[in-house]
């Protein structure tokens, strides 16, 4: 099974069946041989944005994500510590942590964010 790290916007667009999610991203997530993962960092990002009133999501969002077939990728101390060595191609702390996780776990990232590429992380969109 091929594991994929799904960026925050991509999982939200998947759940909402939003046309902003590209056909390539949809195919990567829906591939029966894939194991799409959502990082704890993405849930943290969503929680922060919701608390600031910038995003509306249901209270049971983590359960909805799991019910949609996404696995969870915890943030390990090694993931968090790896951020210290990343160049600043990207200033967003949530995305920088996703980059560190993708590098540490050797995972492609399902994302529309072109700022992941300079880190040498494989992306799918």
N, C-alpha and C. Protein backbone atom coordinates (compact mmCIF):
# COMPACT_ATOMS: atom_id res chain seq x y z
N UNK A 1 0.85 -1.19 0.00
CA UNK A 1 0.00 0.00 0.00
C UNK A 1 0.89 1.24 0.00
N UNK A 2 0.53 2.20 -0.80
CA UNK A 2 1.32 3.42 -0.94
C UNK A 2 0.71 4.53 -0.08
N UNK A 3 1.48 5.02 0.86
CA UNK A 3 0.99 6.06 1.77
C UNK A 3 1.15 7.44 1.14
N UNK A 4 0.17 8.30 1.37
CA UNK A 4 0.15 9.68 0.88
C UNK A 4 -0.17 10.61 2.03
N UNK A 5 0.52 11.72 2.12
CA UNK A 5 0.18 12.74 3.09
C UNK A 5 -0.72 13.76 2.39
N UNK A 6 -1.92 13.95 2.91
CA UNK A 6 -2.89 14.84 2.27
C UNK A 6 -2.89 16.18 2.99
N UNK A 7 -2.60 17.24 2.25
CA UNK A 7 -2.53 18.59 2.81
C UNK A 7 -3.91 19.01 3.30
N UNK A 8 -3.92 19.97 4.20
CA UNK A 8 -5.14 20.43 4.87
C UNK A 8 -6.23 20.82 3.88
N UNK A 9 -5.89 21.67 2.92
CA UNK A 9 -6.92 22.11 1.97
C UNK A 9 -7.46 20.94 1.16
N UNK A 10 -6.60 20.00 0.84
CA UNK A 10 -7.04 18.87 0.02
C UNK A 10 -8.03 17.98 0.76
N UNK A 11 -7.79 17.72 2.04
CA UNK A 11 -8.75 16.89 2.79
C UNK A 11 -10.07 17.63 2.96
N UNK A 12 -10.02 18.92 3.21
CA UNK A 12 -11.27 19.69 3.36
C UNK A 12 -12.04 19.71 2.04
N UNK A 13 -11.34 19.88 0.93
CA UNK A 13 -12.00 19.88 -0.37
C UNK A 13 -12.55 18.51 -0.69
N UNK A 14 -11.84 17.45 -0.30
CA UNK A 14 -12.34 16.08 -0.51
C UNK A 14 -13.65 15.89 0.24
N UNK A 15 -13.68 16.27 1.51
CA UNK A 15 -14.87 16.09 2.33
C UNK A 15 -16.06 16.89 1.81
N UNK A 16 -15.79 18.06 1.26
CA UNK A 16 -16.84 18.94 0.74
C UNK A 16 -17.18 18.64 -0.71
N UNK A 17 -16.47 17.69 -1.33
CA UNK A 17 -16.62 17.40 -2.75
C UNK A 17 -16.47 18.68 -3.57
N UNK A 18 -15.48 19.48 -3.19
CA UNK A 18 -15.23 20.78 -3.80
C UNK A 18 -14.53 20.59 -5.15
N UNK A 19 -15.02 21.25 -6.20
CA UNK A 19 -14.37 21.12 -7.51
C UNK A 19 -12.96 21.70 -7.55
N UNK A 20 -12.55 22.43 -6.51
CA UNK A 20 -11.19 22.96 -6.46
C UNK A 20 -10.16 21.83 -6.34
N UNK A 21 -10.60 20.67 -5.85
CA UNK A 21 -9.71 19.51 -5.76
C UNK A 21 -9.53 18.94 -7.16
N UNK A 22 -8.30 18.91 -7.63
CA UNK A 22 -8.04 18.48 -9.00
C UNK A 22 -8.39 17.01 -9.21
N UNK A 23 -8.58 16.64 -10.46
CA UNK A 23 -8.89 15.25 -10.78
C UNK A 23 -7.71 14.34 -10.42
N UNK A 24 -6.49 14.84 -10.59
CA UNK A 24 -5.31 14.06 -10.21
C UNK A 24 -5.24 13.80 -8.72
N UNK A 25 -5.59 14.82 -7.93
CA UNK A 25 -5.60 14.67 -6.48
C UNK A 25 -6.70 13.70 -6.06
N UNK A 26 -7.86 13.83 -6.68
CA UNK A 26 -8.96 12.90 -6.38
C UNK A 26 -8.56 11.46 -6.68
N UNK A 27 -7.92 11.28 -7.82
CA UNK A 27 -7.52 9.93 -8.22
C UNK A 27 -6.47 9.37 -7.25
N UNK A 28 -5.53 10.20 -6.81
CA UNK A 28 -4.50 9.74 -5.88
C UNK A 28 -5.12 9.30 -4.55
N UNK A 29 -6.06 10.10 -4.05
CA UNK A 29 -6.70 9.78 -2.76
C UNK A 29 -7.59 8.55 -2.90
N UNK A 30 -8.32 8.45 -4.01
CA UNK A 30 -9.27 7.36 -4.20
C UNK A 30 -8.63 6.04 -4.63
N UNK A 31 -7.38 6.08 -5.03
CA UNK A 31 -6.70 4.87 -5.49
C UNK A 31 -6.79 3.78 -4.42
N UNK A 32 -7.34 2.61 -4.76
CA UNK A 32 -7.49 1.54 -3.77
C UNK A 32 -6.17 1.06 -3.17
N UNK A 33 -5.07 1.30 -3.87
CA UNK A 33 -3.77 0.88 -3.34
C UNK A 33 -3.13 1.98 -2.47
N UNK A 34 -3.81 3.10 -2.31
CA UNK A 34 -3.27 4.22 -1.54
C UNK A 34 -3.78 4.19 -0.10
N UNK A 35 -2.94 4.70 0.77
CA UNK A 35 -3.33 4.93 2.16
C UNK A 35 -3.19 6.43 2.43
N UNK A 36 -4.28 7.20 2.22
CA UNK A 36 -4.20 8.64 2.45
C UNK A 36 -4.15 8.94 3.94
N UNK A 37 -3.21 9.81 4.33
CA UNK A 37 -3.02 10.16 5.73
C UNK A 37 -3.23 11.65 5.94
N UNK A 38 -3.81 11.99 7.08
CA UNK A 38 -3.97 13.38 7.49
C UNK A 38 -3.12 13.58 8.74
N UNK A 39 -2.29 14.59 8.69
CA UNK A 39 -1.40 14.88 9.80
C UNK A 39 -2.15 15.52 10.97
N UNK A 40 -1.69 15.23 12.17
CA UNK A 40 -2.20 15.93 13.35
C UNK A 40 -1.97 17.44 13.19
N UNK A 41 -0.93 17.82 12.44
CA UNK A 41 -0.67 19.24 12.19
C UNK A 41 -1.81 19.88 11.40
N UNK A 42 -2.43 19.12 10.49
CA UNK A 42 -3.56 19.66 9.73
C UNK A 42 -4.77 19.87 10.64
N UNK A 43 -5.00 18.93 11.54
CA UNK A 43 -6.11 19.11 12.49
C UNK A 43 -5.85 20.32 13.39
N UNK A 44 -4.61 20.50 13.78
CA UNK A 44 -4.23 21.66 14.59
C UNK A 44 -4.50 22.95 13.80
N UNK A 45 -4.08 22.96 12.53
CA UNK A 45 -4.31 24.14 11.68
C UNK A 45 -5.80 24.45 11.55
N UNK A 46 -6.60 23.42 11.30
CA UNK A 46 -8.04 23.61 11.16
C UNK A 46 -8.64 24.13 12.47
N UNK A 47 -8.21 23.57 13.59
CA UNK A 47 -8.73 24.00 14.90
C UNK A 47 -8.38 25.46 15.16
N UNK A 48 -7.16 25.87 14.83
CA UNK A 48 -6.74 27.26 15.02
C UNK A 48 -7.58 28.19 14.15
N UNK A 49 -7.73 27.83 12.88
CA UNK A 49 -8.50 28.69 11.96
C UNK A 49 -9.97 28.74 12.35
N UNK A 50 -10.49 27.63 12.84
CA UNK A 50 -11.88 27.62 13.29
C UNK A 50 -12.05 28.52 14.52
N UNK A 51 -11.12 28.44 15.46
CA UNK A 51 -11.23 29.26 16.67
C UNK A 51 -11.11 30.75 16.37
N UNK A 52 -10.43 31.09 15.28
CA UNK A 52 -10.29 32.49 14.86
C UNK A 52 -11.47 32.95 14.00
N UNK A 53 -12.39 32.03 13.69
CA UNK A 53 -13.53 32.37 12.86
C UNK A 53 -13.21 32.40 11.38
N UNK A 54 -12.07 31.85 10.97
CA UNK A 54 -11.68 31.86 9.57
C UNK A 54 -12.15 30.64 8.80
N UNK A 55 -12.70 29.66 9.52
CA UNK A 55 -13.09 28.40 8.89
C UNK A 55 -14.26 27.82 9.65
N UNK A 56 -15.21 27.28 8.92
CA UNK A 56 -16.36 26.61 9.54
C UNK A 56 -16.26 25.13 9.25
N UNK A 57 -16.15 24.35 10.30
CA UNK A 57 -16.10 22.89 10.19
C UNK A 57 -16.91 22.31 11.33
N UNK A 58 -17.41 21.08 11.17
CA UNK A 58 -18.21 20.47 12.23
C UNK A 58 -17.35 20.06 13.43
N UNK A 59 -18.00 19.96 14.59
CA UNK A 59 -17.30 19.54 15.81
C UNK A 59 -16.69 18.15 15.68
N UNK A 60 -17.32 17.29 14.90
CA UNK A 60 -16.83 15.92 14.77
C UNK A 60 -15.93 15.73 13.54
N UNK A 61 -15.26 16.79 13.11
CA UNK A 61 -14.42 16.70 11.92
C UNK A 61 -13.40 15.56 11.97
N UNK A 62 -12.69 15.34 13.08
CA UNK A 62 -11.74 14.21 13.08
C UNK A 62 -12.43 12.87 12.79
N UNK A 63 -13.64 12.69 13.31
CA UNK A 63 -14.39 11.46 13.02
C UNK A 63 -14.81 11.39 11.56
N UNK A 64 -15.19 12.53 10.98
CA UNK A 64 -15.57 12.57 9.56
C UNK A 64 -14.38 12.23 8.67
N UNK A 65 -13.22 12.71 9.05
CA UNK A 65 -12.02 12.43 8.28
C UNK A 65 -11.72 10.93 8.32
N UNK A 66 -11.81 10.34 9.50
CA UNK A 66 -11.57 8.90 9.64
C UNK A 66 -12.62 8.10 8.87
N UNK A 67 -13.88 8.52 8.96
CA UNK A 67 -14.97 7.80 8.27
C UNK A 67 -14.80 7.87 6.75
N UNK A 68 -14.14 8.92 6.27
CA UNK A 68 -13.91 9.06 4.83
C UNK A 68 -12.72 8.21 4.36
N UNK A 69 -12.10 7.49 5.28
CA UNK A 69 -11.03 6.57 4.90
C UNK A 69 -9.62 7.10 5.05
N UNK A 70 -9.47 8.24 5.70
CA UNK A 70 -8.14 8.79 5.90
C UNK A 70 -7.54 8.25 7.19
N UNK A 71 -6.28 7.86 7.13
CA UNK A 71 -5.55 7.48 8.32
C UNK A 71 -4.97 8.72 8.99
N UNK A 72 -4.42 8.53 10.15
CA UNK A 72 -3.83 9.65 10.89
C UNK A 72 -2.32 9.52 10.96
N UNK A 73 -1.65 10.64 10.79
CA UNK A 73 -0.20 10.68 10.95
C UNK A 73 0.10 11.58 12.14
N UNK A 74 0.52 10.98 13.27
CA UNK A 74 0.85 11.80 14.43
C UNK A 74 2.10 12.64 14.16
N UNK A 75 2.27 13.68 14.93
CA UNK A 75 3.48 14.49 14.87
C UNK A 75 4.43 13.92 15.92
N UNK A 76 5.54 13.39 15.46
CA UNK A 76 6.53 12.84 16.39
C UNK A 76 7.52 13.94 16.79
N UNK A 77 8.25 13.71 17.87
CA UNK A 77 9.31 14.67 18.21
C UNK A 77 10.32 14.84 17.07
N UNK A 78 10.60 13.76 16.34
CA UNK A 78 11.53 13.84 15.21
C UNK A 78 10.98 14.72 14.10
N UNK A 79 9.68 14.62 13.84
CA UNK A 79 9.06 15.48 12.83
C UNK A 79 9.19 16.95 13.25
N UNK A 80 8.83 17.23 14.48
CA UNK A 80 8.87 18.61 14.97
C UNK A 80 10.29 19.16 14.93
N UNK A 81 11.25 18.37 15.34
CA UNK A 81 12.64 18.82 15.40
C UNK A 81 13.22 19.01 14.00
N UNK A 82 12.76 18.25 13.04
CA UNK A 82 13.28 18.35 11.67
C UNK A 82 12.97 19.70 11.03
N UNK A 83 11.97 20.40 11.52
CA UNK A 83 11.62 21.71 10.97
C UNK A 83 12.79 22.69 11.10
N UNK A 84 13.60 22.51 12.14
CA UNK A 84 14.70 23.46 12.39
C UNK A 84 15.68 23.54 11.22
N UNK A 85 15.82 22.47 10.46
CA UNK A 85 16.78 22.44 9.37
C UNK A 85 16.22 22.82 8.01
N UNK A 86 14.95 23.13 7.95
CA UNK A 86 14.35 23.46 6.65
C UNK A 86 14.67 24.88 6.22
N UNK A 87 15.02 25.07 4.94
CA UNK A 87 15.15 26.45 4.45
C UNK A 87 13.77 27.11 4.42
N UNK A 88 13.75 28.41 4.33
CA UNK A 88 12.48 29.14 4.40
C UNK A 88 11.86 29.39 3.02
N UNK A 89 11.64 28.29 2.27
CA UNK A 89 10.89 28.41 1.02
C UNK A 89 9.42 28.70 1.34
N UNK A 90 9.02 28.33 2.54
CA UNK A 90 7.63 28.44 2.97
C UNK A 90 7.64 28.96 4.40
N UNK A 91 6.85 29.96 4.70
CA UNK A 91 6.83 30.55 6.04
C UNK A 91 5.71 30.00 6.92
N UNK A 92 4.75 29.31 6.34
CA UNK A 92 3.61 28.80 7.09
C UNK A 92 4.07 27.67 8.02
N UNK A 93 3.90 27.82 9.34
CA UNK A 93 4.42 26.79 10.26
C UNK A 93 3.73 25.43 10.10
N UNK A 94 2.46 25.42 9.74
CA UNK A 94 1.75 24.16 9.54
C UNK A 94 2.32 23.42 8.33
N UNK A 95 2.50 24.15 7.24
CA UNK A 95 3.03 23.52 6.03
C UNK A 95 4.48 23.10 6.19
N UNK A 96 5.24 23.86 6.94
CA UNK A 96 6.63 23.47 7.19
C UNK A 96 6.68 22.15 7.96
N UNK A 97 5.76 21.96 8.88
CA UNK A 97 5.71 20.69 9.61
C UNK A 97 5.29 19.55 8.67
N UNK A 98 4.35 19.82 7.77
CA UNK A 98 3.97 18.79 6.79
C UNK A 98 5.17 18.43 5.90
N UNK A 99 5.96 19.41 5.51
CA UNK A 99 7.15 19.13 4.71
C UNK A 99 8.11 18.23 5.50
N UNK A 100 8.33 18.57 6.76
CA UNK A 100 9.23 17.76 7.60
C UNK A 100 8.71 16.33 7.73
N UNK A 101 7.40 16.19 7.90
CA UNK A 101 6.83 14.85 7.99
C UNK A 101 7.00 14.10 6.67
N UNK A 102 6.72 14.77 5.57
CA UNK A 102 6.84 14.12 4.25
C UNK A 102 8.28 13.67 4.01
N UNK A 103 9.23 14.50 4.38
CA UNK A 103 10.63 14.13 4.20
C UNK A 103 11.00 12.96 5.11
N UNK A 104 10.64 13.04 6.37
CA UNK A 104 11.02 12.01 7.33
C UNK A 104 10.39 10.66 7.00
N UNK A 105 9.15 10.69 6.55
CA UNK A 105 8.41 9.46 6.27
C UNK A 105 8.49 9.04 4.80
N UNK A 106 9.15 9.87 3.99
CA UNK A 106 9.27 9.62 2.55
C UNK A 106 7.89 9.47 1.90
N UNK A 107 7.06 10.48 2.14
CA UNK A 107 5.68 10.46 1.63
C UNK A 107 5.48 11.53 0.57
N UNK A 108 4.78 11.19 -0.51
CA UNK A 108 4.34 12.24 -1.42
C UNK A 108 3.20 13.02 -0.74
N UNK A 109 3.05 14.27 -1.12
CA UNK A 109 2.02 15.12 -0.53
C UNK A 109 1.00 15.48 -1.59
N UNK A 110 -0.27 15.28 -1.27
CA UNK A 110 -1.36 15.71 -2.14
C UNK A 110 -1.64 17.17 -1.78
N UNK A 111 -1.21 18.07 -2.66
CA UNK A 111 -1.34 19.50 -2.38
C UNK A 111 -1.33 20.31 -3.67
N UNK A 112 -2.00 21.44 -3.63
CA UNK A 112 -1.95 22.40 -4.73
C UNK A 112 -0.85 23.43 -4.48
N UNK A 113 -0.22 23.38 -3.33
CA UNK A 113 0.76 24.37 -2.91
C UNK A 113 2.10 24.12 -3.61
N UNK A 114 2.47 25.00 -4.52
CA UNK A 114 3.72 24.85 -5.27
C UNK A 114 4.96 25.11 -4.42
N UNK A 115 4.77 25.65 -3.21
CA UNK A 115 5.92 25.94 -2.35
C UNK A 115 6.49 24.69 -1.69
N UNK A 116 5.86 23.53 -1.89
CA UNK A 116 6.41 22.28 -1.35
C UNK A 116 7.57 21.78 -2.23
N UNK A 117 7.49 22.01 -3.53
CA UNK A 117 8.45 21.47 -4.49
C UNK A 117 9.91 21.85 -4.19
N UNK A 118 10.22 23.10 -3.82
CA UNK A 118 11.62 23.43 -3.57
C UNK A 118 12.27 22.61 -2.44
N UNK A 119 11.47 21.96 -1.63
CA UNK A 119 12.01 21.12 -0.57
C UNK A 119 12.36 19.72 -1.06
N UNK A 120 12.09 19.44 -2.33
CA UNK A 120 12.36 18.12 -2.87
C UNK A 120 11.31 17.10 -2.49
N UNK A 121 10.16 17.57 -2.02
CA UNK A 121 9.05 16.68 -1.65
C UNK A 121 8.23 16.40 -2.91
N UNK A 122 7.94 15.12 -3.13
CA UNK A 122 7.09 14.76 -4.27
C UNK A 122 5.67 15.22 -3.97
N UNK A 123 5.04 15.85 -4.96
CA UNK A 123 3.65 16.28 -4.79
C UNK A 123 2.78 15.62 -5.85
N UNK A 124 1.51 15.50 -5.50
CA UNK A 124 0.51 14.97 -6.43
C UNK A 124 -0.62 16.00 -6.50
N UNK A 125 -0.96 16.37 -7.68
CA UNK A 125 -2.10 17.26 -7.85
C UNK A 125 -2.73 17.01 -9.19
